Amino acid sequence: MLTHFLTAKEKGNALLEEPRGYNMGVQMAPQAQGMGDYASQGYGQYSNHQSQMGNMHSQYGQQQQQHQMSGNNQMGNSYGNMGSQMGNQMGGQMGGHMGGQPKGGSPVVMVYGMEPDKMNPEKLFNVLCLYGNVVKIKFMKSKPGCAMVQMGDALAVERAITNLNNVVVFDKKMQLGFSKQMLLADQKQTSDLPDGTPCFKDFTDSRNNRFCSPEAASKNRIQQPAKVLHFFNAHPDSTDSTIRQIFIEHGVRDPISVKMFSPKSERSSSGLVEWDNVSDAIEAVISCNHVEMPNPIGGRYPYTFKLCFSSALHAV
């Protein structure tokens, strides 16, 4: 039996599914057994020929056995690596809502391990919106620090899990995983979180969702969390001190470096901000993304200060 090797497509599917059994066992070439039957039936004229063929098939069987066992070992290692990756992604506290991604893909993601006193729907939205539209967020009263989030689609869920699972925020490891639920129901009555904000919020009509159209989605670069952030839509008179003050006022550590970009227009300003580590940068996104900056010329509308992770190594 010829060894079946996984195609690229099958390997990709295996990452989203529970690994199937791969210990198929070793099967000897059926031709060798068939030729042995001829000899046992007394066909003497074929004895010499049969002996040669038997030797050939014996060698073939041994090669086939070694080849298939090698293939199984490779497949085993591959599944072992995939199992390790999935284990890291899923974490150890996923509970009954977790498991593999349902067929068709659920747009709901589970978030575990948050600091209850420092997180709420608005702050969780600030970081999840970097990976797709956020529809609804519900913090679970029965499990402090846990939330269910309905994203715009299953792809947004996959991006969020890939980039945010197991990040350390407020000294706690935040874990994300797939949910079996397909939507979050509206909450007529909601309880308050420790910071006094509601535990449920609908973000369907939020102007801060960044994937509302193909044109808007194309402007987003999906980046893993990094210690350098890109800020934009700050008011045009912003300075290094102005940007630092935003983070300090919201309880975030003072960044080690701020770089202002040369303005492309008089409408707003942008630049880079850097921290000592990734966790501080994530906390900056959670606490300061979408902060309103007063209009310096007394305009009717404030500026919405926006943040995202940058691929730059340093803010210089």
C-alpha atoms as a PDB file:
ATOM      1  CA  MET A   1       0.000   0.000   0.000  1.00  0.00           C
ATOM      2  CA  LEU A   2       1.531   3.332  -1.026  1.00  0.00           C
ATOM      3  CA  THR A   3       1.925   5.911   1.691  1.00  0.00           C
ATOM      4  CA  HIS A   4      -0.528   8.799   1.585  1.00  0.00           C
ATOM      5  CA  PHE A   5       1.176  12.142   2.248  1.00  0.00           C
ATOM      6  CA  LEU A   6      -0.807  15.174   3.408  1.00  0.00           C
ATOM      7  CA  THR A   7      -1.372  17.814   0.764  1.00  0.00           C
ATOM      8  CA  ALA A   8      -0.912  21.502   1.619  1.00  0.00           C
ATOM      9  CA  LYS A   9      -4.663  21.908   1.759  1.00  0.00           C
ATOM     10  CA  GLU A  10      -5.105  18.956   4.136  1.00  0.00           C
ATOM     11  CA  LYS A  11      -2.370  20.338   6.399  1.00  0.00           C
ATOM     12  CA  GLY A  12      -4.173  23.677   6.503  1.00  0.00           C
ATOM     13  CA  ASN A  13      -7.487  22.018   7.401  1.00  0.00           C
ATOM     14  CA  ALA A  14      -5.808  19.986  10.103  1.00  0.00           C
ATOM     15  CA  LEU A  15      -4.964  23.186  11.975  1.00  0.00           C
ATOM     16  CA  LEU A  16      -8.661  23.962  12.403  1.00  0.00           C
ATOM     17  CA  GLU A  17      -9.833  20.419  13.091  1.00  0.00           C
ATOM     18  CA  GLU A  18      -9.091  17.793  15.694  1.00  0.00           C
ATOM     19  CA  PRO A  19      -6.247  15.632  14.296  1.00  0.00           C
ATOM     20  CA  ARG A  20      -7.518  12.393  12.850  1.00  0.00           C
ATOM     21  CA  GLY A  21      -5.909   9.038  13.585  1.00  0.00           C
ATOM     22  CA  TYR A  22      -2.793   8.419  11.592  1.00  0.00           C
ATOM     23  CA  ASN A  23      -1.598   5.031  12.930  1.00  0.00           C
ATOM     24  CA  MET A  24      -2.747   3.162   9.855  1.00  0.00           C
ATOM     25  CA  GLY A  25      -0.349   0.231  10.427  1.00  0.00           C
ATOM     26  CA  VAL A  26       1.975  -1.366   7.888  1.00  0.00           C
ATOM     27  CA  GLN A  27       0.502  -3.522   5.139  1.00  0.00           C
ATOM     28  CA  MET A  28       2.690  -5.782   3.069  1.00  0.00           C
ATOM     29  CA  ALA A  29       2.402  -5.823  -0.680  1.00  0.00           C
ATOM     30  CA  PRO A  30      -0.558  -8.121  -1.579  1.00  0.00           C
ATOM     31  CA  GLN A  31       1.295  -9.438  -4.639  1.00  0.00           C
ATOM     32  CA  ALA A  32       3.796 -11.289  -2.455  1.00  0.00           C
ATOM     33  CA  GLN A  33       1.032 -13.229  -0.724  1.00  0.00           C
ATOM     34  CA  GLY A  34      -0.652 -14.003  -4.042  1.00  0.00           C
ATOM     35  CA  MET A  35       2.518 -15.415  -5.571  1.00  0.00           C
ATOM     36  CA  GLY A  36       3.045 -17.529  -2.427  1.00  0.00           C
ATOM     37  CA  ASP A  37      -0.367 -19.140  -3.012  1.00  0.00           C
ATOM     38  CA  TYR A  38       0.679 -20.247  -6.505  1.00  0.00           C
ATOM     39  CA  ALA A  39       3.707 -22.080  -5.089  1.00  0.00           C
ATOM     40  CA  SER A  40       1.643 -23.848  -2.424  1.00  0.00           C
ATOM     41  CA  GLN A  41      -0.708 -25.213  -5.094  1.00  0.00           C
ATOM     42  CA  GLY A  42       2.072 -27.341  -6.584  1.00  0.00           C
ATOM     43  CA  TYR A  43       3.088 -25.492  -9.689  1.00  0.00           C
ATOM     44  CA  GLY A  44       6.675 -26.754  -9.636  1.00  0.00           C
ATOM     45  CA  GLN A  45       7.587 -25.179 -12.928  1.00  0.00           C
ATOM     46  CA  TYR A  46       7.221 -21.792 -11.334  1.00  0.00           C
ATOM     47  CA  SER A  47       9.232 -22.602  -8.212  1.00  0.00           C
ATOM     48  CA  ASN A  48      12.473 -20.935  -9.260  1.00  0.00           C
ATOM     49  CA  HIS A  49      10.658 -17.973 -10.678  1.00  0.00           C
ATOM     50  CA  GLN A  50       8.519 -17.766  -7.553  1.00  0.00           C
ATOM     51  CA  SER A  51      11.590 -17.788  -5.309  1.00  0.00           C
ATOM     52  CA  GLN A  52      13.030 -14.834  -7.191  1.00  0.00           C
ATOM     53  CA  MET A  53       9.732 -12.984  -7.126  1.00  0.00           C
ATOM     54  CA  GLY A  54       9.324 -13.760  -3.435  1.00  0.00           C
ATOM     55  CA  ASN A  55      12.700 -12.260  -2.684  1.00  0.00           C
ATOM     56  CA  MET A  56      11.878  -9.186  -4.737  1.00  0.00           C
ATOM     57  CA  HIS A  57       8.557  -8.709  -2.991  1.00  0.00           C
ATOM     58  CA  SER A  58      10.150  -9.338   0.395  1.00  0.00           C
ATOM     59  CA  GLN A  59      12.631  -6.544  -0.305  1.00  0.00           C
ATOM     60  CA  TYR A  60       9.840  -4.348  -1.591  1.00  0.00           C
ATOM     61  CA  GLY A  61       7.779  -5.075   1.519  1.00  0.00           C
ATOM     62  CA  GLN A  62      10.659  -4.133   3.795  1.00  0.00           C
ATOM     63  CA  GLN A  63      11.256  -0.910   1.870  1.00  0.00           C
ATOM     64  CA  GLN A  64       7.530  -0.215   1.936  1.00  0.00           C
ATOM     65  CA  GLN A  65       7.407  -0.834   5.676  1.00  0.00           C
ATOM     66  CA  GLN A  66      10.362   1.483   6.342  1.00  0.00           C
ATOM     67  CA  HIS A  67       8.967   4.109   4.002  1.00  0.00           C
ATOM     68  CA  GLN A  68       5.502   4.014   5.548  1.00  0.00           C
ATOM     69  CA  MET A  69       6.818   3.993   9.098  1.00  0.00           C
ATOM     70  CA  SER A  70       8.976   7.023   8.214  1.00  0.00           C
ATOM     71  CA  GLY A  71       5.933   8.716   6.701  1.00  0.00           C
ATOM     72  CA  ASN A  72       3.873   7.963   9.813  1.00  0.00           C
ATOM     73  CA  ASN A  73       6.640   9.356  12.008  1.00  0.00           C
ATOM     74  CA  GLN A  74       6.669  12.555   9.933  1.00  0.00           C
ATOM     75  CA  MET A  75       2.900  12.733  10.146  1.00  0.00           C
ATOM     76  CA  GLY A  76       3.060  12.089  13.885  1.00  0.00           C
ATOM     77  CA  ASN A  77       5.585  14.853  14.367  1.00  0.00           C
ATOM     78  CA  SER A  78       3.453  17.146  12.234  1.00  0.00           C
ATOM     79  CA  TYR A  79       0.352  16.386  14.287  1.00  0.00           C
ATOM     80  CA  GLY A  80       2.360  16.769  17.478  1.00  0.00           C
ATOM     81  CA  ASN A  81       3.518  20.221  16.437  1.00  0.00           C
ATOM     82  CA  MET A  82       0.010  21.186  15.407  1.00  0.00           C
ATOM     83  CA  GLY A  83      -1.363  19.897  18.694  1.00  0.00           C
ATOM     84  CA  SER A  84       1.174  21.993  20.577  1.00  0.00           C
ATOM     85  CA  GLN A  85       0.257  25.103  18.589  1.00  0.00           C
ATOM     86  CA  MET A  86      -3.448  24.554  19.142  1.00  0.00           C
ATOM     87  CA  GLY A  87      -2.808  23.921  22.839  1.00  0.00           C
ATOM     88  CA  ASN A  88      -0.984  27.229  23.144  1.00  0.00           C
ATOM     89  CA  GLN A  89      -3.783  29.024  21.348  1.00  0.00           C
ATOM     90  CA  MET A  90      -6.624  27.449  23.261  1.00  0.00           C
ATOM     91  CA  GLY A  91      -5.014  27.641  26.696  1.00  0.00           C
ATOM     92  CA  GLY A  92      -5.982  25.655  29.727  1.00  0.00           C
ATOM     93  CA  GLN A  93      -9.145  27.490  30.827  1.00  0.00           C
ATOM     94  CA  MET A  94     -11.346  27.415  27.766  1.00  0.00           C
ATOM     95  CA  GLY A  95     -14.384  25.750  29.367  1.00  0.00           C
ATOM     96  CA  GLY A  96     -17.490  24.426  27.678  1.00  0.00           C
ATOM     97  CA  HIS A  97     -17.716  27.237  25.159  1.00  0.00           C
ATOM     98  CA  MET A  98     -14.445  26.297  23.553  1.00  0.00           C
ATOM     99  CA  GLY A  99     -13.263  23.598  21.190  1.00  0.00           C
ATOM    100  CA  GLY A 100     -12.643  23.523  17.482  1.00  0.00           C
ATOM    101  CA  GLN A 101     -14.153  26.063  15.182  1.00  0.00           C
ATOM    102  CA  PRO A 102     -17.652  24.967  14.093  1.00  0.00           C
ATOM    103  CA  LYS A 103     -18.298  24.211  10.459  1.00  0.00           C
ATOM    104  CA  GLY A 104     -19.021  27.428   8.622  1.00  0.00           C
ATOM    105  CA  GLY A 105     -17.201  29.367  11.345  1.00  0.00           C
ATOM    106  CA  SER A 106     -18.688  31.046  14.386  1.00  0.00           C
ATOM    107  CA  PRO A 107     -18.409  34.850  14.562  1.00  0.00           C
ATOM    108  CA  VAL A 108     -18.288  34.655  18.370  1.00  0.00           C
ATOM    109  CA  VAL A 109     -15.005  34.598  20.272  1.00  0.00           C
ATOM    110  CA  MET A 110     -14.475  33.794  23.949  1.00  0.00           C
ATOM    111  CA  VAL A 111     -12.065  35.961  25.948  1.00  0.00           C
ATOM    112  CA  TYR A 112     -10.704  34.693  29.267  1.00  0.00           C
ATOM    113  CA  GLY A 113      -8.230  35.769  31.939  1.00  0.00           C
ATOM    114  CA  MET A 114      -8.795  39.535  31.911  1.00  0.00           C
ATOM    115  CA  GLU A 115      -8.290  41.711  34.959  1.00  0.00           C
ATOM    116  CA  PRO A 116     -11.917  42.336  36.101  1.00  0.00           C
ATOM    117  CA  ASP A 117     -11.192  45.716  37.692  1.00  0.00           C
ATOM    118  CA  LYS A 118      -9.496  47.139  34.588  1.00  0.00           C
ATOM    119  CA  MET A 119     -11.495  45.810  31.632  1.00  0.00           C
ATOM    120  CA  ASN A 120     -14.930  46.622  30.206  1.00  0.00           C
ATOM    121  CA  PRO A 121     -16.652  46.407  26.788  1.00  0.00           C
ATOM    122  CA  GLU A 122     -15.214  49.710  25.566  1.00  0.00           C
ATOM    123  CA  LYS A 123     -11.633  48.769  26.442  1.00  0.00           C
ATOM    124  CA  LEU A 124     -11.932  45.283  24.954  1.00  0.00           C
ATOM    125  CA  PHE A 125     -13.402  46.839  21.805  1.00  0.00           C
ATOM    126  CA  ASN A 126     -10.354  49.113  21.514  1.00  0.00           C
ATOM    127  CA  VAL A 127      -8.021  46.178  20.850  1.00  0.00           C
ATOM    128  CA  LEU A 128     -10.362  43.749  19.067  1.00  0.00           C
ATOM    129  CA  CYS A 129     -11.385  46.375  16.491  1.00  0.00           C
ATOM    130  CA  LEU A 130      -7.868  46.132  15.037  1.00  0.00           C
ATOM    131  CA  TYR A 131      -8.719  42.677  13.659  1.00  0.00           C
ATOM    132  CA  GLY A 132     -12.299  43.067  12.453  1.00  0.00           C
ATOM    133  CA  ASN A 133     -15.652  44.708  13.134  1.00  0.00           C
ATOM    134  CA  VAL A 134     -17.032  44.248  16.648  1.00  0.00           C
ATOM    135  CA  VAL A 135     -20.795  43.754  16.896  1.00  0.00           C
ATOM    136  CA  LYS A 136     -21.531  43.053  20.574  1.00  0.00           C
ATOM    137  CA  ILE A 137     -19.586  42.439  23.771  1.00  0.00           C
ATOM    138  CA  LYS A 138     -20.924  40.786  26.910  1.00  0.00           C
ATOM    139  CA  PHE A 139     -18.903  40.384  30.104  1.00  0.00           C
ATOM    140  CA  MET A 140     -20.051  37.308  32.013  1.00  0.00           C
ATOM    141  CA  LYS A 141     -21.315  37.982  35.519  1.00  0.00           C
ATOM    142  CA  SER A 142     -20.786  34.358  36.560  1.00  0.00           C
ATOM    143  CA  LYS A 143     -17.146  34.397  35.398  1.00  0.00           C
ATOM    144  CA  PRO A 144     -15.348  37.638  36.288  1.00  0.00           C
ATOM    145  CA  GLY A 145     -12.725  38.554  33.715  1.00  0.00           C
ATOM    146  CA  CYS A 146     -14.445  36.552  30.960  1.00  0.00           C
ATOM    147  CA  ALA A 147     -16.391  37.881  27.985  1.00  0.00           C
ATOM    148  CA  MET A 148     -18.176  36.775  24.833  1.00  0.00           C
ATOM    149  CA  VAL A 149     -17.678  38.906  21.737  1.00  0.00           C
ATOM    150  CA  GLN A 150     -19.632  38.770  18.494  1.00  0.00           C
ATOM    151  CA  MET A 151     -17.381  39.869  15.655  1.00  0.00           C
ATOM    152  CA  GLY A 152     -18.412  40.791  12.119  1.00  0.00           C
ATOM    153  CA  ASP A 153     -17.486  37.363  10.735  1.00  0.00           C
ATOM    154  CA  ALA A 154     -15.548  34.185  11.492  1.00  0.00           C
ATOM    155  CA  LEU A 155     -12.426  35.530   9.778  1.00  0.00           C
ATOM    156  CA  ALA A 156     -12.259  38.387  12.277  1.00  0.00           C
ATOM    157  CA  VAL A 157     -12.465  35.833  15.090  1.00  0.00           C
ATOM    158  CA  GLU A 158      -9.599  33.852  13.586  1.00  0.00           C
ATOM    159  CA  ARG A 159      -7.451  36.977  13.226  1.00  0.00           C
ATOM    160  CA  ALA A 160      -8.136  38.009  16.832  1.00  0.00           C
ATOM    161  CA  ILE A 161      -7.249  34.568  18.200  1.00  0.00           C
ATOM    162  CA  THR A 162      -4.109  34.298  16.083  1.00  0.00           C
ATOM    163  CA  ASN A 163      -2.769  37.668  17.215  1.00  0.00           C
ATOM    164  CA  LEU A 164      -4.077  38.163  20.757  1.00  0.00           C
ATOM    165  CA  ASN A 165      -4.250  34.744  22.384  1.00  0.00           C
ATOM    166  CA  ASN A 166      -1.962  34.460  25.427  1.00  0.00           C
ATOM    167  CA  VAL A 167      -0.847  38.103  25.451  1.00  0.00           C
ATOM    168  CA  VAL A 168      -0.090  39.526  28.908  1.00  0.00           C
ATOM    169  CA  VAL A 169      -2.287  42.505  29.836  1.00  0.00           C
ATOM    170  CA  PHE A 170      -2.358  44.106  33.288  1.00  0.00           C
ATOM    171  CA  ASP A 171      -0.130  41.271  34.539  1.00  0.00           C
ATOM    172  CA  LYS A 172      -2.610  38.582  33.462  1.00  0.00           C
ATOM    173  CA  LYS A 173      -2.530  36.254  30.467  1.00  0.00           C
ATOM    174  CA  MET A 174      -5.509  36.931  28.212  1.00  0.00           C
ATOM    175  CA  GLN A 175      -6.734  33.887  26.298  1.00  0.00           C
ATOM    176  CA  LEU A 176      -9.032  33.747  23.273  1.00  0.00           C
ATOM    177  CA  GLY A 177     -10.765  30.829  21.601  1.00  0.00           C
ATOM    178  CA  PHE A 178     -13.634  29.832  19.335  1.00  0.00           C
ATOM    179  CA  SER A 179     -17.186  29.680  20.647  1.00  0.00           C
ATOM    180  CA  LYS A 180     -19.932  27.327  19.494  1.00  0.00           C
ATOM    181  CA  GLN A 181     -22.527  30.095  19.647  1.00  0.00           C
ATOM    182  CA  MET A 182     -23.400  31.901  16.440  1.00  0.00           C
ATOM    183  CA  LEU A 183     -24.590  35.206  17.965  1.00  0.00           C
ATOM    184  CA  LEU A 184     -25.109  37.185  21.150  1.00  0.00           C
ATOM    185  CA  ALA A 185     -28.658  38.054  22.114  1.00  0.00           C
ATOM    186  CA  ASP A 186     -29.506  41.621  23.082  1.00  0.00           C
ATOM    187  CA  GLN A 187     -29.572  42.298  26.816  1.00  0.00           C
ATOM    188  CA  LYS A 188     -32.588  44.232  28.098  1.00  0.00           C
ATOM    189  CA  GLN A 189     -31.238  44.397  31.628  1.00  0.00           C
ATOM    190  CA  THR A 190     -27.524  44.570  32.307  1.00  0.00           C
ATOM    191  CA  SER A 191     -25.512  44.622  35.482  1.00  0.00           C
ATOM    192  CA  ASP A 192     -22.569  46.909  36.120  1.00  0.00           C
ATOM    193  CA  LEU A 193     -18.911  45.938  36.162  1.00  0.00           C
ATOM    194  CA  PRO A 194     -16.550  46.911  39.032  1.00  0.00           C
ATOM    195  CA  ASP A 195     -15.744  50.219  37.258  1.00  0.00           C
ATOM    196  CA  GLY A 196     -19.458  51.099  37.099  1.00  0.00           C
ATOM    197  CA  THR A 197     -19.886  50.569  33.341  1.00  0.00           C
ATOM    198  CA  PRO A 198     -22.495  48.175  31.839  1.00  0.00           C
ATOM    199  CA  CYS A 199     -21.381  44.583  31.220  1.00  0.00           C
ATOM    200  CA  PHE A 200     -23.019  44.566  27.745  1.00  0.00           C
ATOM    201  CA  LYS A 201     -22.697  46.926  24.790  1.00  0.00           C
ATOM    202  CA  ASP A 202     -23.798  46.876  21.152  1.00  0.00           C
ATOM    203  CA  PHE A 203     -21.165  48.282  18.776  1.00  0.00           C
ATOM    204  CA  THR A 204     -23.079  47.653  15.544  1.00  0.00           C
ATOM    205  CA  ASP A 205     -23.309  51.350  14.692  1.00  0.00           C
ATOM    206  CA  SER A 206     -19.959  52.405  16.149  1.00  0.00           C
ATOM    207  CA  ARG A 207     -18.017  54.740  13.896  1.00  0.00           C
ATOM    208  CA  ASN A 208     -14.833  53.299  15.359  1.00  0.00           C
ATOM    209  CA  ASN A 209     -15.271  49.948  13.618  1.00  0.00           C
ATOM    210  CA  ARG A 210     -12.591  49.893  10.920  1.00  0.00           C
ATOM    211  CA  PHE A 211     -13.821  47.222   8.500  1.00  0.00           C
ATOM    212  CA  CYS A 212     -17.232  48.636   7.557  1.00  0.00           C
ATOM    213  CA  SER A 213     -16.512  48.715   3.803  1.00  0.00           C
ATOM    214  CA  PRO A 214     -13.971  47.156   1.434  1.00  0.00           C
ATOM    215  CA  GLU A 215     -12.287  50.557   1.106  1.00  0.00           C
ATOM    216  CA  ALA A 216     -12.043  51.015   4.878  1.00  0.00           C
ATOM    217  CA  ALA A 217     -10.859  47.427   5.405  1.00  0.00           C
ATOM    218  CA  SER A 218      -8.088  47.837   2.835  1.00  0.00           C
ATOM    219  CA  LYS A 219      -6.532  50.613   4.931  1.00  0.00           C
ATOM    220  CA  ASN A 220      -5.959  48.291   7.889  1.00  0.00           C
ATOM    221  CA  ARG A 221      -2.722  46.380   8.254  1.00  0.00           C
ATOM    222  CA  ILE A 222      -3.115  43.285  10.402  1.00  0.00           C
ATOM    223  CA  GLN A 223      -0.202  43.371  12.826  1.00  0.00           C
ATOM    224  CA  GLN A 224       0.726  41.289  15.834  1.00  0.00           C
ATOM    225  CA  PRO A 225       0.996  43.203  19.108  1.00  0.00           C
ATOM    226  CA  ALA A 226       4.263  45.150  19.250  1.00  0.00           C
ATOM    227  CA  LYS A 227       5.917  47.660  21.547  1.00  0.00           C
ATOM    228  CA  VAL A 228       5.655  50.389  18.888  1.00  0.00           C
ATOM    229  CA  LEU A 229       2.272  51.940  18.089  1.00  0.00           C
ATOM    230  CA  HIS A 230       1.198  54.106  15.198  1.00  0.00           C
ATOM    231  CA  PHE A 231      -1.089  56.976  16.230  1.00  0.00           C
ATOM    232  CA  PHE A 232      -3.160  59.057  13.842  1.00  0.00           C
ATOM    233  CA  ASN A 233      -6.038  61.530  13.725  1.00  0.00           C
ATOM    234  CA  ALA A 234      -4.538  63.594  16.547  1.00  0.00           C
ATOM    235  CA  HIS A 235      -5.334  67.293  16.352  1.00  0.00           C
ATOM    236  CA  PRO A 236      -2.934  69.190  14.047  1.00  0.00           C
ATOM    237  CA  ASP A 237      -1.284  71.159  16.870  1.00  0.00           C
ATOM    238  CA  SER A 238      -0.224  68.012  18.725  1.00  0.00           C
ATOM    239  CA  THR A 239       3.326  67.813  20.069  1.00  0.00           C
ATOM    240  CA  ASP A 240       5.478  65.192  21.758  1.00  0.00           C
ATOM    241  CA  SER A 241       4.211  66.438  25.131  1.00  0.00           C
ATOM    242  CA  THR A 242       0.582  66.370  23.995  1.00  0.00           C
ATOM    243  CA  ILE A 243       0.808  62.718  23.010  1.00  0.00           C
ATOM    244  CA  ARG A 244       2.610  61.680  26.188  1.00  0.00           C
ATOM    245  CA  GLN A 245      -0.007  63.428  28.307  1.00  0.00           C
ATOM    246  CA  ILE A 246      -2.803  61.359  26.767  1.00  0.00           C
ATOM    247  CA  PHE A 247      -1.250  58.132  28.024  1.00  0.00           C
ATOM    248  CA  ILE A 248      -0.279  59.481  31.431  1.00  0.00           C
ATOM    249  CA  GLU A 249      -3.807  60.799  32.074  1.00  0.00           C
ATOM    250  CA  HIS A 250      -5.254  57.354  31.353  1.00  0.00           C
ATOM    251  CA  GLY A 251      -2.951  55.461  33.686  1.00  0.00           C
ATOM    252  CA  VAL A 252      -0.552  54.126  31.041  1.00  0.00           C
ATOM    253  CA  ARG A 253       3.206  54.170  31.560  1.00  0.00           C
ATOM    254  CA  ASP A 254       5.000  57.082  29.970  1.00  0.00           C
ATOM    255  CA  PRO A 255       6.339  55.953  26.560  1.00  0.00           C
ATOM    256  CA  ILE A 256      10.110  55.896  26.085  1.00  0.00           C
ATOM    257  CA  SER A 257       9.914  57.635  22.706  1.00  0.00           C
ATOM    258  CA  VAL A 258       7.483  59.669  20.612  1.00  0.00           C
ATOM    259  CA  LYS A 259       8.065  60.537  16.977  1.00  0.00           C
ATOM    260  CA  MET A 260       5.884  63.092  15.192  1.00  0.00           C
ATOM    261  CA  PHE A 261       5.507  62.627  11.438  1.00  0.00           C
ATOM    262  CA  SER A 262       5.759  65.588   9.114  1.00  0.00           C
ATOM    263  CA  PRO A 263       2.144  66.654   8.568  1.00  0.00           C
ATOM    264  CA  LYS A 264       0.635  65.684   5.223  1.00  0.00           C
ATOM    265  CA  SER A 265      -2.181  68.143   5.763  1.00  0.00           C
ATOM    266  CA  GLU A 266      -3.384  70.697   8.286  1.00  0.00           C
ATOM    267  CA  ARG A 267      -6.325  68.523   9.264  1.00  0.00           C
ATOM    268  CA  SER A 268      -4.562  66.134  11.709  1.00  0.00           C
ATOM    269  CA  SER A 269      -1.217  64.777  12.891  1.00  0.00           C
ATOM    270  CA  SER A 270       0.266  61.312  13.280  1.00  0.00           C
ATOM    271  CA  GLY A 271       3.422  59.511  14.419  1.00  0.00           C
ATOM    272  CA  LEU A 272       4.904  56.617  16.392  1.00  0.00           C
ATOM    273  CA  VAL A 273       5.041  55.831  20.108  1.00  0.00           C
ATOM    274  CA  GLU A 274       7.317  53.247  21.742  1.00  0.00           C
ATOM    275  CA  TRP A 275       7.338  51.439  25.103  1.00  0.00           C
ATOM    276  CA  ASP A 276       9.834  49.141  26.780  1.00  0.00           C
ATOM    277  CA  ASN A 277       7.685  46.046  26.210  1.00  0.00           C
ATOM    278  CA  VAL A 278       4.687  44.746  24.298  1.00  0.00           C
ATOM    279  CA  SER A 279       2.398  44.517  27.342  1.00  0.00           C
ATOM    280  CA  ASP A 280       2.669  48.267  27.996  1.00  0.00           C
ATOM    281  CA  ALA A 281       1.817  48.975  24.359  1.00  0.00           C
ATOM    282  CA  ILE A 282      -1.248  46.697  24.467  1.00  0.00           C
ATOM    283  CA  GLU A 283      -2.435  48.445  27.625  1.00  0.00           C
ATOM    284  CA  ALA A 284      -1.995  51.776  25.823  1.00  0.00           C
ATOM    285  CA  VAL A 285      -4.261  50.566  23.004  1.00  0.00           C
ATOM    286  CA  ILE A 286      -6.845  49.260  25.468  1.00  0.00           C
ATOM    287  CA  SER A 287      -6.893  52.459  27.534  1.00  0.00           C
ATOM    288  CA  CYS A 288      -6.286  55.216  24.984  1.00  0.00           C
ATOM    289  CA  ASN A 289      -7.521  54.083  21.574  1.00  0.00           C
ATOM    290  CA  HIS A 290     -10.427  56.370  20.540  1.00  0.00           C
ATOM    291  CA  VAL A 291      -9.792  58.939  23.275  1.00  0.00           C
ATOM    292  CA  GLU A 292     -11.352  62.282  22.349  1.00  0.00           C
ATOM    293  CA  MET A 293      -8.984  65.227  21.993  1.00  0.00           C
ATOM    294  CA  PRO A 294     -10.458  68.742  22.285  1.00  0.00           C
ATOM    295  CA  ASN A 295     -10.521  70.712  19.062  1.00  0.00           C
ATOM    296  CA  PRO A 296      -7.779  73.368  19.464  1.00  0.00           C
ATOM    297  CA  ILE A 297      -9.571  75.912  17.308  1.00  0.00           C
ATOM    298  CA  GLY A 298     -12.866  75.563  19.125  1.00  0.00           C
ATOM    299  CA  GLY A 299     -14.504  73.425  16.472  1.00  0.00           C
ATOM    300  CA  ARG A 300     -17.766  71.663  17.067  1.00  0.00           C
ATOM    301  CA  TYR A 301     -16.358  68.134  17.020  1.00  0.00           C
ATOM    302  CA  PRO A 302     -13.385  66.760  18.980  1.00  0.00           C
ATOM    303  CA  TYR A 303     -10.634  64.676  17.395  1.00  0.00           C
ATOM    304  CA  THR A 304     -10.774  60.908  17.941  1.00  0.00           C
ATOM    305  CA  PHE A 305      -7.234  59.797  18.745  1.00  0.00           C
ATOM    306  CA  LYS A 306      -6.596  56.413  17.094  1.00  0.00           C
ATOM    307  CA  LEU A 307      -3.966  53.735  17.641  1.00  0.00           C
ATOM    308  CA  CYS A 308      -2.786  50.523  15.990  1.00  0.00           C
ATOM    309  CA  PHE A 309       0.240  48.254  16.232  1.00  0.00           C
ATOM    310  CA  SER A 310       3.191  49.194  14.038  1.00  0.00           C
ATOM    311  CA  SER A 311       5.738  47.087  12.192  1.00  0.00           C
ATOM    312  CA  ALA A 312       8.452  49.663  12.984  1.00  0.00           C
ATOM    313  CA  LEU A 313      11.180  48.418  15.285  1.00  0.00           C
ATOM    314  CA  HIS A 314      11.582  51.755  17.075  1.00  0.00           C
ATOM    315  CA  ALA A 315       9.905  55.161  17.195  1.00  0.00           C
ATOM    316  CA  VAL A 316      12.848  57.115  15.823  1.00  0.00           C
END
